[in-house]
Amino acid sequence: MGCCGQKRLQWRQETAASTSREKTYSNEGVPVENKTPILFEYVGRSSLTVKGAITGQSYYFKSSGSKVEVAPADAFAMMAENDLKRHLGASAK
């Protein structure tokens, strides 16, 4: 049986690119974990420590306006916190 001319691979890559902004795909069409940290800003009144739901890492926000980079795996759970907002600006570094 002959090869499909890589059309299946091309279709997978195009489909993945159009349906997901967070996932990156290798040349073989295999998902690659996004390792870019996501910046969150604390808008509460005092300090806040949150434990990452997936990584178990502790994230400490010293005061209102503090920005902390969060592992992508923990970002979804962080969005459930009322006093944390995803910061769309530059990194905290």
PDB file of N, CA and C in Angstrom:
ATOM      1  N   MET A   1       0.850  -1.180   0.000  1.00  0.00           N
ATOM      2  CA  MET A   1       0.000   0.000   0.000  1.00  0.00           C
ATOM      3  C   MET A   1       0.895   1.242   0.000  1.00  0.00           C
ATOM      4  N   GLY A   2       0.574   2.201  -0.813  1.00  0.00           N
ATOM      5  CA  GLY A   2       1.397   3.405  -0.942  1.00  0.00           C
ATOM      6  C   GLY A   2       1.167   4.402   0.184  1.00  0.00           C
ATOM      7  N   CYS A   3       2.079   5.324   0.300  1.00  0.00           N
ATOM      8  CA  CYS A   3       2.017   6.376   1.321  1.00  0.00           C
ATOM      9  C   CYS A   3       0.966   7.418   0.939  1.00  0.00           C
ATOM     10  N   CYS A   4       0.401   8.056   1.923  1.00  0.00           N
ATOM     11  CA  CYS A   4      -0.624   9.065   1.674  1.00  0.00           C
ATOM     12  C   CYS A   4      -0.015  10.405   1.284  1.00  0.00           C
ATOM     13  N   GLY A   5       1.292  10.441   1.093  1.00  0.00           N
ATOM     14  CA  GLY A   5       1.940  11.689   0.697  1.00  0.00           C
ATOM     15  C   GLY A   5       2.003  12.704   1.820  1.00  0.00           C
ATOM     16  N   GLN A   6       2.023  12.235   3.050  1.00  0.00           N
ATOM     17  CA  GLN A   6       2.118  13.088   4.235  1.00  0.00           C
ATOM     18  C   GLN A   6       0.884  13.974   4.437  1.00  0.00           C
ATOM     19  N   LYS A   7      -0.215  13.680   3.744  1.00  0.00           N
ATOM     20  CA  LYS A   7      -1.415  14.506   3.868  1.00  0.00           C
ATOM     21  C   LYS A   7      -2.050  14.399   5.252  1.00  0.00           C
ATOM     22  N   ARG A   8      -1.999  13.202   5.840  1.00  0.00           N
ATOM     23  CA  ARG A   8      -2.569  13.025   7.179  1.00  0.00           C
ATOM     24  C   ARG A   8      -1.814  13.879   8.187  1.00  0.00           C
ATOM     25  N   LEU A   9      -0.488  13.876   8.099  1.00  0.00           N
ATOM     26  CA  LEU A   9       0.348  14.682   8.996  1.00  0.00           C
ATOM     27  C   LEU A   9       0.044  16.167   8.800  1.00  0.00           C
ATOM     28  N   GLN A  10      -0.026  16.611   7.564  1.00  0.00           N
ATOM     29  CA  GLN A  10      -0.325  18.007   7.270  1.00  0.00           C
ATOM     30  C   GLN A  10      -1.705  18.388   7.817  1.00  0.00           C
ATOM     31  N   TRP A  11      -2.693  17.520   7.643  1.00  0.00           N
ATOM     32  CA  TRP A  11      -4.032  17.788   8.151  1.00  0.00           C
ATOM     33  C   TRP A  11      -4.027  17.925   9.674  1.00  0.00           C
ATOM     34  N   ARG A  12      -3.296  17.000  10.363  1.00  0.00           N
ATOM     35  CA  ARG A  12      -3.212  17.053  11.823  1.00  0.00           C
ATOM     36  C   ARG A  12      -2.610  18.368  12.285  1.00  0.00           C
ATOM     37  N   GLN A  13      -1.556  18.812  11.642  1.00  0.00           N
ATOM     38  CA  GLN A  13      -0.886  20.048  12.037  1.00  0.00           C
ATOM     39  C   GLN A  13      -1.783  21.258  11.804  1.00  0.00           C
ATOM     40  N   GLU A  14      -2.472  21.294  10.677  1.00  0.00           N
ATOM     41  CA  GLU A  14      -3.375  22.408  10.386  1.00  0.00           C
ATOM     42  C   GLU A  14      -4.547  22.444  11.356  1.00  0.00           C
ATOM     43  N   THR A  15      -5.105  21.277  11.665  1.00  0.00           N
ATOM     44  CA  THR A  15      -6.213  21.190  12.611  1.00  0.00           C
ATOM     45  C   THR A  15      -5.771  21.644  13.994  1.00  0.00           C
ATOM     46  N   ALA A  16      -4.606  21.194  14.415  1.00  0.00           N
ATOM     47  CA  ALA A  16      -4.093  21.567  15.739  1.00  0.00           C
ATOM     48  C   ALA A  16      -3.838  23.061  15.819  1.00  0.00           C
ATOM     49  N   ALA A  17      -3.295  23.650  14.792  1.00  0.00           N
ATOM     50  CA  ALA A  17      -2.997  25.081  14.793  1.00  0.00           C
ATOM     51  C   ALA A  17      -4.267  25.921  14.830  1.00  0.00           C
ATOM     52  N   SER A  18      -5.326  25.452  14.216  1.00  0.00           N
ATOM     53  CA  SER A  18      -6.544  26.239  14.174  1.00  0.00           C
ATOM     54  C   SER A  18      -7.415  26.067  15.415  1.00  0.00           C
ATOM     55  N   THR A  19      -7.242  24.990  16.186  1.00  0.00           N
ATOM     56  CA  THR A  19      -8.116  24.746  17.333  1.00  0.00           C
ATOM     57  C   THR A  19      -7.463  25.031  18.676  1.00  0.00           C
ATOM     58  N   SER A  20      -6.165  25.245  18.721  1.00  0.00           N
ATOM     59  CA  SER A  20      -5.508  25.436  20.017  1.00  0.00           C
ATOM     60  C   SER A  20      -4.405  26.468  19.930  1.00  0.00           C
ATOM     61  N   ARG A  21      -4.445  27.413  20.851  1.00  0.00           N
ATOM     62  CA  ARG A  21      -3.384  28.415  20.898  1.00  0.00           C
ATOM     63  C   ARG A  21      -2.310  28.027  21.906  1.00  0.00           C
ATOM     64  N   GLU A  22      -2.644  27.189  22.869  1.00  0.00           N
ATOM     65  CA  GLU A  22      -1.710  26.816  23.924  1.00  0.00           C
ATOM     66  C   GLU A  22      -0.797  25.659  23.529  1.00  0.00           C
ATOM     67  N   LYS A  23      -1.255  24.768  22.668  1.00  0.00           N
ATOM     68  CA  LYS A  23      -0.454  23.606  22.309  1.00  0.00           C
ATOM     69  C   LYS A  23       0.472  23.917  21.152  1.00  0.00           C
ATOM     70  N   THR A  24       1.643  23.306  21.189  1.00  0.00           N
ATOM     71  CA  THR A  24       2.600  23.393  20.100  1.00  0.00           C
ATOM     72  C   THR A  24       2.811  21.976  19.600  1.00  0.00           C
ATOM     73  N   TYR A  25       2.997  21.815  18.305  1.00  0.00           N
ATOM     74  CA  TYR A  25       3.155  20.493  17.735  1.00  0.00           C
ATOM     75  C   TYR A  25       4.517  20.353  17.063  1.00  0.00           C
ATOM     76  N   SER A  26       5.107  19.186  17.229  1.00  0.00           N
ATOM     77  CA  SER A  26       6.388  18.894  16.590  1.00  0.00           C
ATOM     78  C   SER A  26       6.162  18.624  15.111  1.00  0.00           C
ATOM     79  N   ASN A  27       7.238  18.417  14.383  1.00  0.00           N
ATOM     80  CA  ASN A  27       7.126  18.127  12.952  1.00  0.00           C
ATOM     81  C   ASN A  27       6.352  16.845  12.689  1.00  0.00           C
ATOM     82  N   GLU A  28       6.306  15.938  13.666  1.00  0.00           N
ATOM     83  CA  GLU A  28       5.591  14.673  13.509  1.00  0.00           C
ATOM     84  C   GLU A  28       4.122  14.791  13.896  1.00  0.00           C
ATOM     85  N   GLY A  29       3.671  15.980  14.290  1.00  0.00           N
ATOM     86  CA  GLY A  29       2.280  16.168  14.678  1.00  0.00           C
ATOM     87  C   GLY A  29       1.981  15.752  16.106  1.00  0.00           C
ATOM     88  N   VAL A  30       3.028  15.560  16.918  1.00  0.00           N
ATOM     89  CA  VAL A  30       2.867  15.135  18.307  1.00  0.00           C
ATOM     90  C   VAL A  30       2.824  16.379  19.190  1.00  0.00           C
ATOM     91  N   PRO A  31       1.856  16.488  20.137  1.00  0.00           N
ATOM     92  CA  PRO A  31       1.802  17.655  21.015  1.00  0.00           C
ATOM     93  C   PRO A  31       3.075  17.789  21.849  1.00  0.00           C
ATOM     94  N   VAL A  32       3.530  19.022  22.008  1.00  0.00           N
ATOM     95  CA  VAL A  32       4.694  19.335  22.833  1.00  0.00           C
ATOM     96  C   VAL A  32       4.192  20.219  23.955  1.00  0.00           C
ATOM     97  N   GLU A  33       4.598  19.918  25.173  1.00  0.00           N
ATOM     98  CA  GLU A  33       4.140  20.680  26.335  1.00  0.00           C
ATOM     99  C   GLU A  33       4.619  22.121  26.257  1.00  0.00           C
ATOM    100  N   ASN A  34       3.695  23.056  26.499  1.00  0.00           N
ATOM    101  CA  ASN A  34       4.039  24.474  26.531  1.00  0.00           C
ATOM    102  C   ASN A  34       4.686  24.760  27.883  1.00  0.00           C
ATOM    103  N   LYS A  35       5.920  25.234  27.871  1.00  0.00           N
ATOM    104  CA  LYS A  35       6.642  25.476  29.116  1.00  0.00           C
ATOM    105  C   LYS A  35       6.797  26.954  29.426  1.00  0.00           C
ATOM    106  N   THR A  36       6.143  27.821  28.667  1.00  0.00           N
ATOM    107  CA  THR A  36       6.231  29.250  28.912  1.00  0.00           C
ATOM    108  C   THR A  36       5.380  29.597  30.128  1.00  0.00           C
ATOM    109  N   PRO A  37       5.990  30.184  31.174  1.00  0.00           N
ATOM    110  CA  PRO A  37       5.207  30.550  32.363  1.00  0.00           C
ATOM    111  C   PRO A  37       4.139  31.585  32.023  1.00  0.00           C
ATOM    112  N   ILE A  38       3.072  31.578  32.801  1.00  0.00           N
ATOM    113  CA  ILE A  38       1.974  32.522  32.614  1.00  0.00           C
ATOM    114  C   ILE A  38       1.969  33.470  33.806  1.00  0.00           C
ATOM    115  N   LEU A  39       1.903  34.758  33.519  1.00  0.00           N
ATOM    116  CA  LEU A  39       1.998  35.782  34.555  1.00  0.00           C
ATOM    117  C   LEU A  39       0.627  36.078  35.155  1.00  0.00           C
ATOM    118  N   PHE A  40       0.553  36.049  36.496  1.00  0.00           N
ATOM    119  CA  PHE A  40      -0.672  36.393  37.216  1.00  0.00           C
ATOM    120  C   PHE A  40      -0.400  37.572  38.142  1.00  0.00           C
ATOM    121  N   GLU A  41      -1.410  38.425  38.288  1.00  0.00           N
ATOM    122  CA  GLU A  41      -1.320  39.581  39.176  1.00  0.00           C
ATOM    123  C   GLU A  41      -2.327  39.420  40.306  1.00  0.00           C
ATOM    124  N   TYR A  42      -1.878  39.715  41.531  1.00  0.00           N
ATOM    125  CA  TYR A  42      -2.736  39.639  42.709  1.00  0.00           C
ATOM    126  C   TYR A  42      -3.409  40.985  42.907  1.00  0.00           C
ATOM    127  N   VAL A  43      -4.732  40.994  43.058  1.00  0.00           N
ATOM    128  CA  VAL A  43      -5.478  42.239  43.233  1.00  0.00           C
ATOM    129  C   VAL A  43      -6.187  42.306  44.589  1.00  0.00           C
ATOM    130  N   GLY A  44      -5.830  41.400  45.489  1.00  0.00           N
ATOM    131  CA  GLY A  44      -6.441  41.385  46.822  1.00  0.00           C
ATOM    132  C   GLY A  44      -5.829  42.435  47.741  1.00  0.00           C
ATOM    133  N   ARG A  45      -6.181  42.363  49.023  1.00  0.00           N
ATOM    134  CA  ARG A  45      -5.766  43.391  49.980  1.00  0.00           C
ATOM    135  C   ARG A  45      -4.502  43.054  50.763  1.00  0.00           C
ATOM    136  N   SER A  46      -4.288  41.789  51.098  1.00  0.00           N
ATOM    137  CA  SER A  46      -3.110  41.426  51.899  1.00  0.00           C
ATOM    138  C   SER A  46      -2.177  40.589  51.042  1.00  0.00           C
ATOM    139  N   SER A  47      -1.590  39.555  51.593  1.00  0.00           N
ATOM    140  CA  SER A  47      -0.746  38.651  50.801  1.00  0.00           C
ATOM    141  C   SER A  47      -1.518  37.364  50.516  1.00  0.00           C
ATOM    142  N   LEU A  48      -0.976  36.553  49.614  1.00  0.00           N
ATOM    143  CA  LEU A  48      -1.660  35.327  49.241  1.00  0.00           C
ATOM    144  C   LEU A  48      -0.628  34.278  48.846  1.00  0.00           C
ATOM    145  N   THR A  49      -0.799  33.065  49.363  1.00  0.00           N
ATOM    146  CA  THR A  49       0.004  31.928  48.923  1.00  0.00           C
ATOM    147  C   THR A  49      -0.954  30.887  48.372  1.00  0.00           C
ATOM    148  N   VAL A  50      -0.668  30.427  47.164  1.00  0.00           N
ATOM    149  CA  VAL A  50      -1.521  29.440  46.500  1.00  0.00           C
ATOM    150  C   VAL A  50      -0.648  28.263  46.091  1.00  0.00           C
ATOM    151  N   LYS A  51      -1.148  27.056  46.342  1.00  0.00           N
ATOM    152  CA  LYS A  51      -0.439  25.849  45.936  1.00  0.00           C
ATOM    153  C   LYS A  51      -0.955  25.419  44.568  1.00  0.00           C
ATOM    154  N   GLY A  52      -0.036  25.186  43.634  1.00  0.00           N
ATOM    155  CA  GLY A  52      -0.415  24.758  42.286  1.00  0.00           C
ATOM    156  C   GLY A  52      -1.143  23.432  42.312  1.00  0.00           C
ATOM    157  N   ALA A  53      -2.266  23.348  41.622  1.00  0.00           N
ATOM    158  CA  ALA A  53      -3.098  22.142  41.625  1.00  0.00           C
ATOM    159  C   ALA A  53      -2.409  20.953  40.966  1.00  0.00           C
ATOM    160  N   ILE A  54      -1.572  21.190  39.983  1.00  0.00           N
ATOM    161  CA  ILE A  54      -0.913  20.104  39.264  1.00  0.00           C
ATOM    162  C   ILE A  54       0.513  19.884  39.744  1.00  0.00           C
ATOM    163  N   THR A  55       1.301  20.958  39.822  1.00  0.00           N
ATOM    164  CA  THR A  55       2.715  20.821  40.184  1.00  0.00           C
ATOM    165  C   THR A  55       2.959  20.756  41.682  1.00  0.00           C
ATOM    166  N   GLY A  56       2.026  21.270  42.473  1.00  0.00           N
ATOM    167  CA  GLY A  56       2.216  21.319  43.917  1.00  0.00           C
ATOM    168  C   GLY A  56       3.124  22.461  44.358  1.00  0.00           C
ATOM    169  N   GLN A  57       3.582  23.263  43.420  1.00  0.00           N
ATOM    170  CA  GLN A  57       4.472  24.390  43.722  1.00  0.00           C
ATOM    171  C   GLN A  57       3.694  25.482  44.443  1.00  0.00           C
ATOM    172  N   SER A  58       4.347  26.156  45.401  1.00  0.00           N
ATOM    173  CA  SER A  58       3.718  27.275  46.099  1.00  0.00           C
ATOM    174  C   SER A  58       4.021  28.571  45.369  1.00  0.00           C
ATOM    175  N   TYR A  59       2.992  29.384  45.194  1.00  0.00           N
ATOM    176  CA  TYR A  59       3.129  30.691  44.553  1.00  0.00           C
ATOM    177  C   TYR A  59       2.771  31.746  45.589  1.00  0.00           C
ATOM    178  N   TYR A  60       3.692  32.668  45.846  1.00  0.00           N
ATOM    179  CA  TYR A  60       3.507  33.681  46.887  1.00  0.00           C
ATOM    180  C   TYR A  60       3.334  35.059  46.255  1.00  0.00           C
ATOM    181  N   PHE A  61       2.232  35.708  46.588  1.00  0.00           N
ATOM    182  CA  PHE A  61       1.955  37.066  46.145  1.00  0.00           C
ATOM    183  C   PHE A  61       2.053  37.949  47.389  1.00  0.00           C
ATOM    184  N   LYS A  62       3.069  38.805  47.440  1.00  0.00           N
ATOM    185  CA  LYS A  62       3.393  39.590  48.636  1.00  0.00           C
ATOM    186  C   LYS A  62       2.314  40.614  48.986  1.00  0.00           C
ATOM    187  N   SER A  63       1.788  41.319  47.984  1.00  0.00           N
ATOM    188  CA  SER A  63       0.786  42.352  48.232  1.00  0.00           C
ATOM    189  C   SER A  63       0.005  42.619  46.952  1.00  0.00           C
ATOM    190  N   SER A  64      -0.999  43.475  47.058  1.00  0.00           N
ATOM    191  CA  SER A  64      -1.788  43.829  45.882  1.00  0.00           C
ATOM    192  C   SER A  64      -0.868  44.398  44.801  1.00  0.00           C
ATOM    193  N   GLY A  65      -1.039  43.938  43.582  1.00  0.00           N
ATOM    194  CA  GLY A  65      -0.191  44.373  42.476  1.00  0.00           C
ATOM    195  C   GLY A  65       0.992  43.460  42.207  1.00  0.00           C
ATOM    196  N   SER A  66       1.253  42.503  43.119  1.00  0.00           N
ATOM    197  CA  SER A  66       2.362  41.561  42.918  1.00  0.00           C
ATOM    198  C   SER A  66       2.074  40.697  41.708  1.00  0.00           C
ATOM    199  N   LYS A  67       3.135  40.440  40.922  1.00  0.00           N
ATOM    200  CA  LYS A  67       3.009  39.587  39.743  1.00  0.00           C
ATOM    201  C   LYS A  67       3.925  38.382  39.908  1.00  0.00           C
ATOM    202  N   VAL A  68       3.406  37.194  39.604  1.00  0.00           N
ATOM    203  CA  VAL A  68       4.161  35.949  39.751  1.00  0.00           C
ATOM    204  C   VAL A  68       3.950  35.102  38.504  1.00  0.00           C
ATOM    205  N   GLU A  69       5.037  34.485  38.032  1.00  0.00           N
ATOM    206  CA  GLU A  69       4.941  33.565  36.903  1.00  0.00           C
ATOM    207  C   GLU A  69       4.493  32.201  37.406  1.00  0.00           C
ATOM    208  N   VAL A  70       3.519  31.624  36.724  1.00  0.00           N
ATOM    209  CA  VAL A  70       2.911  30.359  37.120  1.00  0.00           C
ATOM    210  C   VAL A  70       3.151  29.328  36.017  1.00  0.00           C
ATOM    211  N   ALA A  71       3.437  28.103  36.428  1.00  0.00           N
ATOM    212  CA  ALA A  71       3.613  27.013  35.457  1.00  0.00           C
ATOM    213  C   ALA A  71       2.323  26.839  34.659  1.00  0.00           C
ATOM    214  N   PRO A  72       2.441  26.601  33.351  1.00  0.00           N
ATOM    215  CA  PRO A  72       1.235  26.438  32.531  1.00  0.00           C
ATOM    216  C   PRO A  72       0.278  25.371  33.058  1.00  0.00           C
ATOM    217  N   ALA A  73       0.802  24.325  33.657  1.00  0.00           N
ATOM    218  CA  ALA A  73      -0.049  23.260  34.191  1.00  0.00           C
ATOM    219  C   ALA A  73      -0.938  23.756  35.326  1.00  0.00           C
ATOM    220  N   ASP A  74      -0.479  24.748  36.076  1.00  0.00           N
ATOM    221  CA  ASP A  74      -1.235  25.278  37.212  1.00  0.00           C
ATOM    222  C   ASP A  74      -2.124  26.466  36.847  1.00  0.00           C
ATOM    223  N   ALA A  75      -1.953  27.027  35.676  1.00  0.00           N
ATOM    224  CA  ALA A  75      -2.624  28.274  35.307  1.00  0.00           C
ATOM    225  C   ALA A  75      -4.144  28.159  35.317  1.00  0.00           C
ATOM    226  N   PHE A  76      -4.686  27.058  34.834  1.00  0.00           N
ATOM    227  CA  PHE A  76      -6.142  26.926  34.768  1.00  0.00           C
ATOM    228  C   PHE A  76      -6.763  27.036  36.160  1.00  0.00           C
ATOM    229  N   ALA A  77      -6.179  26.361  37.141  1.00  0.00           N
ATOM    230  CA  ALA A  77      -6.707  26.422  38.507  1.00  0.00           C
ATOM    231  C   ALA A  77      -6.540  27.815  39.107  1.00  0.00           C
ATOM    232  N   MET A  78      -5.473  28.511  38.749  1.00  0.00           N
ATOM    233  CA  MET A  78      -5.234  29.867  39.273  1.00  0.00           C
ATOM    234  C   MET A  78      -6.327  30.834  38.810  1.00  0.00           C
ATOM    235  N   MET A  79      -6.891  30.581  37.627  1.00  0.00           N
ATOM    236  CA  MET A  79      -7.934  31.463  37.111  1.00  0.00           C
ATOM    237  C   MET A  79      -9.217  31.378  37.937  1.00  0.00           C
ATOM    238  N   ALA A  80      -9.342  30.354  38.762  1.00  0.00           N
ATOM    239  CA  ALA A  80     -10.519  30.214  39.621  1.00  0.00           C
ATOM    240  C   ALA A  80     -10.419  31.083  40.877  1.00  0.00           C
ATOM    241  N   GLU A  81      -9.233  31.567  41.194  1.00  0.00           N
ATOM    242  CA  GLU A  81      -9.045  32.428  42.368  1.00  0.00           C
ATOM    243  C   GLU A  81      -9.572  33.830  42.063  1.00  0.00           C
ATOM    244  N   ASN A  82     -10.473  34.333  42.917  1.00  0.00           N
ATOM    245  CA  ASN A  82     -11.079  35.648  42.678  1.00  0.00           C
ATOM    246  C   ASN A  82     -10.075  36.791  42.652  1.00  0.00           C
ATOM    247  N   ASP A  83      -9.042  36.723  43.473  1.00  0.00           N
ATOM    248  CA  ASP A  83      -8.094  37.834  43.588  1.00  0.00           C
ATOM    249  C   ASP A  83      -6.879  37.703  42.672  1.00  0.00           C
ATOM    250  N   LEU A  84      -6.894  36.741  41.767  1.00  0.00           N
ATOM    251  CA  LEU A  84      -5.804  36.592  40.801  1.00  0.00           C
ATOM    252  C   LEU A  84      -6.335  36.846  39.401  1.00  0.00           C
ATOM    253  N   LYS A  85      -5.597  37.641  38.659  1.00  0.00           N
ATOM    254  CA  LYS A  85      -5.963  37.970  37.281  1.00  0.00           C
ATOM    255  C   LYS A  85      -4.783  37.626  36.379  1.00  0.00           C
ATOM    256  N   ARG A  86      -5.070  37.021  35.265  1.00  0.00           N
ATOM    257  CA  ARG A  86      -4.013  36.740  34.291  1.00  0.00           C
ATOM    258  C   ARG A  86      -3.519  38.074  33.746  1.00  0.00           C
ATOM    259  N   HIS A  87      -2.220  38.281  33.826  1.00  0.00           N
ATOM    260  CA  HIS A  87      -1.616  39.529  33.367  1.00  0.00           C
ATOM    261  C   HIS A  87      -1.143  39.332  31.945  1.00  0.00           C
ATOM    262  N   LEU A  88      -1.576  40.177  31.048  1.00  0.00           N
ATOM    263  CA  LEU A  88      -1.265  40.010  29.641  1.00  0.00           C
ATOM    264  C   LEU A  88      -0.041  40.793  29.203  1.00  0.00           C
ATOM    265  N   GLY A  89       0.611  41.489  30.129  1.00  0.00           N
ATOM    266  CA  GLY A  89       1.791  42.282  29.793  1.00  0.00           C
ATOM    267  C   GLY A  89       3.055  41.437  29.768  1.00  0.00           C
ATOM    268  N   ALA A  90       4.192  42.096  29.905  1.00  0.00           N
ATOM    269  CA  ALA A  90       5.494  41.441  29.878  1.00  0.00           C
ATOM    270  C   ALA A  90       5.713  40.615  31.132  1.00  0.00           C
ATOM    271  N   SER A  91       6.720  39.802  31.105  1.00  0.00           N
ATOM    272  CA  SER A  91       7.077  38.917  32.220  1.00  0.00           C
ATOM    273  C   SER A  91       7.461  39.713  33.464  1.00  0.00           C
ATOM    274  N   ALA A  92       7.408  39.058  34.627  1.00  0.00           N
ATOM    275  CA  ALA A  92       7.717  39.714  35.907  1.00  0.00           C
ATOM    276  C   ALA A  92       9.203  39.941  36.098  1.00  0.00           C
ATOM    277  N   LYS A  93      10.025  39.305  35.300  1.00  0.00           N
ATOM    278  CA  LYS A  93      11.479  39.396  35.487  1.00  0.00           C
ATOM    279  C   LYS A  93      12.032  40.722  35.090  1.00  0.00           C
TER     280      LYS A  93
END
